[in-house]
Every structure is written in C-alpha cells, then in structure tokens.
C-alpha cells in the first residue's frame, strides 16, 4: 500500500452561528485506508463528513483531494439516513441514483446488487427491507459511479449482530477487492477496530489522537489514571522522570502507560506540591483505551 494521499484536511473549523463545532481539525487519509473516525455522539464526526463530501462548507481550513473531485460519483457518501424510496425495489433505487448523477446505467447494476448481497431481492420494495439490508442498499447507492472514496457515517448504528457482520464483510470486500478507500465513523470503537486500518479520535470538535490498527490491537495494556489539581505540571514532571505519561482531554487527568509503582508517583507529586485526588490502576480493554483518550461519560 503506497502512501498516496487521497484526502487531506488542514485546520478545518466549523461554526454554526457563533457556536464552534469543529476546531482546527487536521488529518490525512491515504489511498487504500479504511479510516475510522471515532467519537461520542455530538463530537463532530458528522460535520467532518458533511464537509468532506461537500454538503457543508467549512468556516475555516481546507480540504485537498488526491483525485478528481469534479468527476461525478468520485465521492460516494452515506451520511445520515440514505434517501431510499420505500416503495421502489433495490434495483429501481440504484437506477434513480444513476439518474441523479447524470450517469447512464448498464448491467453493472446487477453486479452492484450482487456485491452488496441484494442480488435476489427482485421486486421486493425497499420499505420492507431489514435495517441491515437498507444500509447495504445505501452503500450500493454510494458506490454508483465507481467512487475513489466512500464516506459512511455510522453505517452500523442500530444494526443487529447479523447486520453488523454483513456490513462489515461488505466494506472489507470493497476495500480489498475494489481498492476503495473508506472513511467511516462510529461511536463504537470495538466495532471499528475489526475494520479500520487507521483511526482518528474526535472529542468536542477536536482530533485528540490519530493511531494505527496495530496500536489499537495492543491496547490491552496496563494504565494508571491520575486525577490532580495540576495535570500539566504533573505530566511534565512524570515525563522528565522517564514515565510514559500523557494529558487526556478531560482536563483533570493524566494517564501513565505501562508499569508504574503508585508510591513513586505519589512521592514525586508530593515533592512538587502537586495534589493527587485519585489514582487508579487499570488493565485497559478497548473501551478503557477509548475513554483514556476522549474522557468519560461515554453516552454514545
């Protein structure tokens, strides 16, 4: 996989009226990535996706595209609910999508329906489809025009386990067999972790961390979470003493990765007059890893 940039966001900001919802967002998606945007509901994922697909204009910042964005169908998107005609069949819905884009349809429609596992739905109306089938139809519609990049907002939200597996397998196939770059959002890290190759964690309109699938895979680590009145000072102090410490976006916490002796931390802090109000040691699983990055109250 060459590191060919397919999409690069620089300094993206978005205000709704006077309310900022995105602050200075930077990230780069390379060709062949399945790029996961992870964040709680309301973190800014949908806004980023709407800007990428041209549904919204950023208040500040730019997006560069490593492909011809003017080509009709170059970006396939499923942002919010797919606009499916409930009283039409899967095939008719896809034909409408071709017409919307001003493209001529041919036999590739049947190939597309087969690809998303809707090849044998015949005249069944989309209104009678299960949620998983509707999501797969939405993805098929986003695939019309052979997009360079597919942008999917929460495509597994609300699906049952069978539906999740169906959508996940489909996306992996599109990525591996068709070489399509996918940008996908979710508030469920454990689901994205089975799919994405790279991740950006979003909290309160900011990207708080980017990481690779390998880092997520090794996320089951020992972690210490420290609550303190002077998190920046404590973090700097610990780093200067060789600890792998970082400040998390919840303002009053420092996390320490790897093995650490609680008394050592407490003594260091005391010598500097830093007050520790809570200190706990955890073995992280994915959700802890997620909370360690974006902070608690995960109401997603």
Protein backbone atom coordinates (compact mmCIF):
# COMPACT_ATOMS: atom_id res chain seq x y z
CA UNK A 1 0.00 0.00 0.00
CA UNK A 2 1.68 3.19 -1.14
CA UNK A 3 1.31 6.27 0.99
CA UNK A 4 -0.66 8.16 -1.64
CA UNK A 5 -2.72 10.92 -0.07
CA UNK A 6 -6.34 10.69 -1.12
CA UNK A 7 -7.72 13.35 1.18
CA UNK A 8 -6.08 15.87 3.48
CA UNK A 9 -7.86 18.16 5.94
CA UNK A 10 -5.93 21.16 7.24
CA UNK A 11 -7.14 23.44 10.01
CA UNK A 12 -10.82 22.65 9.47
CA UNK A 13 -13.14 24.75 11.59
CA UNK A 14 -16.91 24.97 11.51
CA UNK A 15 -19.21 27.32 13.40
CA UNK A 16 -22.98 27.12 13.49
CA UNK A 17 -23.81 30.75 14.14
CA UNK A 18 -21.44 31.72 16.92
CA UNK A 19 -21.13 28.15 18.20
CA UNK A 20 -17.92 26.41 17.08
CA UNK A 21 -18.41 22.68 16.47
CA UNK A 22 -15.02 21.91 14.88
CA UNK A 23 -11.70 23.37 15.94
CA UNK A 24 -8.58 23.20 13.78
CA UNK A 25 -9.03 19.62 12.58
CA UNK A 26 -6.09 18.07 10.66
CA UNK A 27 -5.90 14.56 9.28
CA UNK A 28 -4.69 12.72 6.18
CA UNK A 29 -6.32 9.69 4.59
CA UNK A 30 -4.15 7.60 2.28
CA UNK A 31 -5.27 5.52 -0.67
CA UNK A 32 -6.48 2.11 0.48
CA UNK A 33 -7.12 3.17 4.07
CA UNK A 34 -10.22 2.26 5.99
CA UNK A 35 -10.07 5.39 8.10
CA UNK A 36 -12.17 5.31 11.26
CA UNK A 37 -13.46 8.49 12.89
CA UNK A 38 -14.26 7.56 16.49
CA UNK A 39 -16.12 9.78 18.91
CA UNK A 40 -19.17 10.13 21.07
CA UNK A 41 -22.42 11.35 19.54
CA UNK A 42 -22.12 15.09 19.03
CA UNK A 43 -18.29 15.04 18.90
CA UNK A 44 -18.23 16.44 15.35
CA UNK A 45 -17.94 13.31 13.19
CA UNK A 46 -20.97 14.04 11.01
CA UNK A 47 -19.88 17.64 10.47
CA UNK A 48 -16.45 16.45 9.26
CA UNK A 49 -18.13 14.01 6.87
CA UNK A 50 -20.53 16.63 5.56
CA UNK A 51 -17.56 18.90 4.81
CA UNK A 52 -15.57 16.10 3.11
CA UNK A 53 -18.49 15.31 0.83
CA UNK A 54 -19.21 18.96 0.02
CA UNK A 55 -22.59 19.04 1.80
CA UNK A 56 -21.23 21.82 4.00
CA UNK A 57 -18.58 24.47 3.63
CA UNK A 58 -16.01 24.82 6.43
CA UNK A 59 -15.81 28.15 8.26
CA UNK A 60 -12.03 27.89 8.09
CA UNK A 61 -9.39 25.50 6.77
CA UNK A 62 -9.12 23.50 3.57
CA UNK A 63 -9.51 20.00 2.16
CA UNK A 64 -7.20 18.72 -0.56
CA UNK A 65 -8.28 15.75 -2.65
CA UNK A 66 -5.81 13.35 -4.25
CA UNK A 67 -8.28 12.55 -7.04
CA UNK A 68 -10.57 14.40 -9.43
CA UNK A 69 -13.33 15.57 -7.12
CA UNK A 70 -15.21 17.18 -10.03
CA UNK A 71 -15.89 13.77 -11.54
CA UNK A 72 -19.49 12.82 -10.83
CA UNK A 73 -19.60 9.92 -8.39
CA UNK A 74 -15.94 10.33 -7.32
CA UNK A 75 -17.09 10.53 -3.69
CA UNK A 76 -19.75 8.06 -2.57
CA UNK A 77 -21.49 9.05 0.63
CA UNK A 78 -23.90 7.62 3.14
CA UNK A 79 -24.20 10.47 5.61
CA UNK A 80 -27.24 10.36 7.87
CA UNK A 81 -30.10 8.21 6.56
CA UNK A 82 -29.82 7.06 2.96
CA UNK A 83 -32.51 8.65 0.79
CA UNK A 84 -34.18 5.42 -0.23
CA UNK A 85 -37.54 5.28 -1.99
CA UNK A 86 -39.51 2.90 0.24
CA UNK A 87 -41.99 1.93 -2.48
CA UNK A 88 -39.31 1.01 -5.05
CA UNK A 89 -37.13 -2.09 -5.39
CA UNK A 90 -33.38 -2.14 -4.73
CA UNK A 91 -32.69 -2.08 -8.48
CA UNK A 92 -35.00 0.90 -9.05
CA UNK A 93 -33.41 2.80 -6.18
CA UNK A 94 -29.98 2.28 -7.72
CA UNK A 95 -31.25 3.39 -11.13
CA UNK A 96 -32.53 6.61 -9.56
CA UNK A 97 -29.07 7.18 -8.14
CA UNK A 98 -27.53 6.84 -11.63
CA UNK A 99 -30.06 9.35 -12.94
CA UNK A 100 -29.32 11.73 -10.05
CA UNK A 101 -25.66 11.72 -11.02
CA UNK A 102 -26.47 12.04 -14.71
CA UNK A 103 -24.85 8.68 -15.44
CA UNK A 104 -26.10 6.00 -17.84
CA UNK A 105 -26.88 2.70 -16.19
CA UNK A 106 -25.98 -0.68 -17.62
CA UNK A 107 -25.62 -4.28 -16.44
CA UNK A 108 -23.20 -3.19 -13.72
CA UNK A 109 -26.31 -2.52 -11.60
CA UNK A 110 -26.79 -6.28 -11.21
CA UNK A 111 -23.13 -6.71 -10.32
CA UNK A 112 -23.50 -3.98 -7.69
CA UNK A 113 -26.62 -5.59 -6.21
CA UNK A 114 -24.82 -8.94 -6.06
CA UNK A 115 -21.81 -7.30 -4.44
CA UNK A 116 -23.90 -5.91 -1.57
CA UNK A 117 -25.85 -9.15 -1.17
CA UNK A 118 -29.15 -7.83 -2.57
CA UNK A 119 -28.98 -9.68 -5.89
CA UNK A 120 -32.04 -11.80 -5.24
CA UNK A 121 -34.44 -9.23 -3.75
CA UNK A 122 -36.29 -8.89 -7.09
CA UNK A 123 -39.32 -6.61 -6.88
CA UNK A 124 -39.39 -6.51 -3.07
CA UNK A 125 -39.90 -2.92 -2.01
CA UNK A 126 -37.10 -1.28 0.00
CA UNK A 127 -39.62 -0.27 2.67
CA UNK A 128 -39.92 -3.97 3.52
CA UNK A 129 -36.15 -4.44 3.91
CA UNK A 130 -34.49 -5.03 7.27
CA UNK A 131 -32.30 -2.21 8.59
CA UNK A 132 -29.17 -4.14 7.59
CA UNK A 133 -30.48 -4.57 4.02
CA UNK A 134 -31.32 -0.86 3.86
CA UNK A 135 -27.80 0.02 4.97
CA UNK A 136 -26.33 -2.27 2.31
CA UNK A 137 -28.60 -0.66 -0.29
CA UNK A 138 -27.40 2.76 0.91
CA UNK A 139 -23.81 1.59 0.43
CA UNK A 140 -24.66 0.26 -3.05
CA UNK A 141 -26.14 3.66 -3.94
CA UNK A 142 -22.98 5.34 -2.65
CA UNK A 143 -20.98 3.01 -4.93
CA UNK A 144 -22.71 4.26 -8.08
CA UNK A 145 -20.19 5.96 -10.35
CA UNK A 146 -17.18 4.00 -9.03
CA UNK A 147 -16.13 6.39 -6.27
CA UNK A 148 -12.49 6.86 -5.28
CA UNK A 149 -13.56 7.24 -1.69
CA UNK A 150 -16.60 6.08 0.25
CA UNK A 151 -17.73 8.22 3.20
CA UNK A 152 -20.02 6.38 5.65
CA UNK A 153 -21.48 7.97 8.76
CA UNK A 154 -22.36 5.40 11.47
CA UNK A 155 -23.32 2.66 8.95
CA UNK A 156 -23.58 0.02 11.69
CA UNK A 157 -25.57 2.09 14.16
CA UNK A 158 -28.70 0.25 15.31
CA UNK A 159 -27.96 -2.96 13.39
CA UNK A 160 -28.31 -6.38 14.99
CA UNK A 161 -25.16 -8.56 15.18
CA UNK A 162 -26.01 -10.28 11.89
CA UNK A 163 -26.50 -6.91 10.17
CA UNK A 164 -23.21 -5.60 11.57
CA UNK A 165 -21.31 -8.62 10.23
CA UNK A 166 -22.99 -8.19 6.82
CA UNK A 167 -21.99 -4.53 6.50
CA UNK A 168 -18.50 -5.17 7.88
CA UNK A 169 -17.82 -8.01 5.44
CA UNK A 170 -19.12 -5.89 2.57
CA UNK A 171 -16.83 -2.97 3.43
CA UNK A 172 -13.79 -5.21 3.79
CA UNK A 173 -14.57 -6.70 0.38
CA UNK A 174 -14.97 -3.28 -1.25
CA UNK A 175 -11.69 -2.18 0.25
CA UNK A 176 -9.70 -5.31 -0.63
CA UNK A 177 -11.19 -6.30 -3.96
CA UNK A 178 -12.08 -2.92 -5.40
CA UNK A 179 -9.31 -0.94 -3.70
CA UNK A 180 -11.80 1.62 -2.43
CA UNK A 181 -10.68 4.00 0.31
CA UNK A 182 -13.29 4.18 3.06
CA UNK A 183 -13.84 6.86 5.69
CA UNK A 184 -16.21 5.53 8.32
CA UNK A 185 -17.44 6.90 11.63
CA UNK A 186 -18.76 5.21 14.73
CA UNK A 187 -19.11 5.77 18.45
CA UNK A 188 -18.40 2.05 19.00
CA UNK A 189 -14.64 1.53 18.94
CA UNK A 190 -14.88 -2.25 19.33
CA UNK A 191 -16.79 -2.47 16.03
CA UNK A 192 -14.49 -0.14 14.11
CA UNK A 193 -11.47 -1.98 15.47
CA UNK A 194 -12.47 -5.03 13.41
CA UNK A 195 -12.50 -2.93 10.27
CA UNK A 196 -10.36 0.19 10.21
CA UNK A 197 -6.66 0.38 9.38
CA UNK A 198 -6.22 3.85 10.91
CA UNK A 199 -8.19 5.85 13.44
CA UNK A 200 -8.80 9.45 14.47
CA UNK A 201 -10.38 10.03 17.87
CA UNK A 202 -12.64 13.08 17.97
CA UNK A 203 -13.82 14.82 21.10
CA UNK A 204 -15.63 18.15 21.32
CA UNK A 205 -14.79 19.02 17.73
CA UNK A 206 -11.08 18.29 18.01
CA UNK A 207 -8.96 15.36 16.91
CA UNK A 208 -7.34 14.26 20.14
CA UNK A 209 -5.33 11.39 18.69
CA UNK A 210 -4.61 9.52 15.47
CA UNK A 211 -3.37 5.95 15.60
CA UNK A 212 -2.93 2.80 13.56
CA UNK A 213 -4.76 -0.52 13.85
CA UNK A 214 -1.62 -2.02 15.44
CA UNK A 215 -1.79 0.47 18.29
CA UNK A 216 -5.44 -0.41 18.86
CA UNK A 217 -4.62 -4.10 18.76
CA UNK A 218 -2.08 -3.64 21.53
CA UNK A 219 -4.48 -1.50 23.52
CA UNK A 220 -4.87 -4.09 26.27
CA UNK A 221 -2.17 -2.52 28.39
CA UNK A 222 -1.59 -1.51 31.98
CA UNK A 223 -2.61 2.06 32.55
CA UNK A 224 -2.68 4.36 35.54
CA UNK A 225 -5.19 7.20 35.65
CA UNK A 226 -4.28 10.11 37.93
CA UNK A 227 -6.62 12.92 38.97
CA UNK A 228 -4.79 16.05 40.05
CA UNK A 229 -5.14 19.79 40.53
CA UNK A 230 -2.16 20.47 38.21
CA UNK A 231 -2.34 17.95 35.37
CA UNK A 232 0.06 19.79 33.03
CA UNK A 233 2.73 20.12 35.73
CA UNK A 234 2.35 16.50 36.81
CA UNK A 235 2.52 15.26 33.21
CA UNK A 236 5.70 17.26 32.53
CA UNK A 237 7.23 16.07 35.82
CA UNK A 238 6.49 12.39 35.09
CA UNK A 239 7.78 12.64 31.53
CA UNK A 240 11.01 14.22 32.81
CA UNK A 241 11.43 11.20 35.10
CA UNK A 242 11.07 8.75 32.21
CA UNK A 243 7.42 7.78 32.66
CA UNK A 244 5.24 7.42 29.56
CA UNK A 245 2.64 9.95 30.72
CA UNK A 246 0.12 11.93 28.71
CA UNK A 247 -2.52 14.53 29.36
CA UNK A 248 -6.04 13.44 28.39
CA UNK A 249 -8.74 15.72 27.12
CA UNK A 250 -10.72 15.59 30.33
CA UNK A 251 -8.81 18.47 31.88
CA UNK A 252 -8.03 16.94 35.25
CA UNK A 253 -6.42 13.65 34.30
CA UNK A 254 -3.02 12.28 33.46
CA UNK A 255 -2.63 8.73 32.17
CA UNK A 256 0.56 6.76 32.63
CA UNK A 257 1.17 3.89 30.23
CA UNK A 258 2.98 0.73 31.26
CA UNK A 259 4.13 -0.45 34.68
CA UNK A 260 4.36 2.22 37.39
CA UNK A 261 4.56 2.00 41.18
CA UNK A 262 1.85 4.04 42.84
CA UNK A 263 4.07 5.18 45.74
CA UNK A 264 6.70 6.52 43.30
CA UNK A 265 4.09 8.66 41.58
CA UNK A 266 2.68 9.90 44.90
CA UNK A 267 6.13 10.80 46.31
CA UNK A 268 7.16 12.66 43.14
CA UNK A 269 3.93 14.65 43.18
CA UNK A 270 4.23 15.44 46.90
CA UNK A 271 7.79 16.74 46.49
CA UNK A 272 6.49 19.22 43.91
CA UNK A 273 3.45 20.17 45.98
CA UNK A 274 1.06 18.65 43.42
CA UNK A 275 -2.14 17.29 44.93
CA UNK A 276 -3.38 13.91 43.72
CA UNK A 277 -7.07 13.38 44.43
CA UNK A 278 -7.43 9.96 42.83
CA UNK A 279 -5.10 7.38 41.38
CA UNK A 280 -6.14 4.06 39.98
CA UNK A 281 -4.54 1.30 38.03
CA UNK A 282 -6.46 -0.34 35.20
CA UNK A 283 -5.89 -3.07 32.65
CA UNK A 284 -7.38 -1.49 29.60
CA UNK A 285 -9.63 -3.10 27.13
CA UNK A 286 -10.76 -1.19 24.05
CA UNK A 287 -13.41 0.82 25.86
CA UNK A 288 -10.89 1.89 28.51
CA UNK A 289 -8.47 2.82 25.75
CA UNK A 290 -11.21 4.92 24.21
CA UNK A 291 -12.16 6.58 27.49
CA UNK A 292 -8.48 7.14 28.26
CA UNK A 293 -8.29 9.17 25.05
CA UNK A 294 -11.58 11.05 24.95
CA UNK A 295 -12.53 11.07 28.63
CA UNK A 296 -15.50 9.52 30.41
CA UNK A 297 -19.28 9.98 30.30
CA UNK A 298 -19.41 7.84 27.20
CA UNK A 299 -23.05 8.40 26.39
CA UNK A 300 -22.55 7.32 22.74
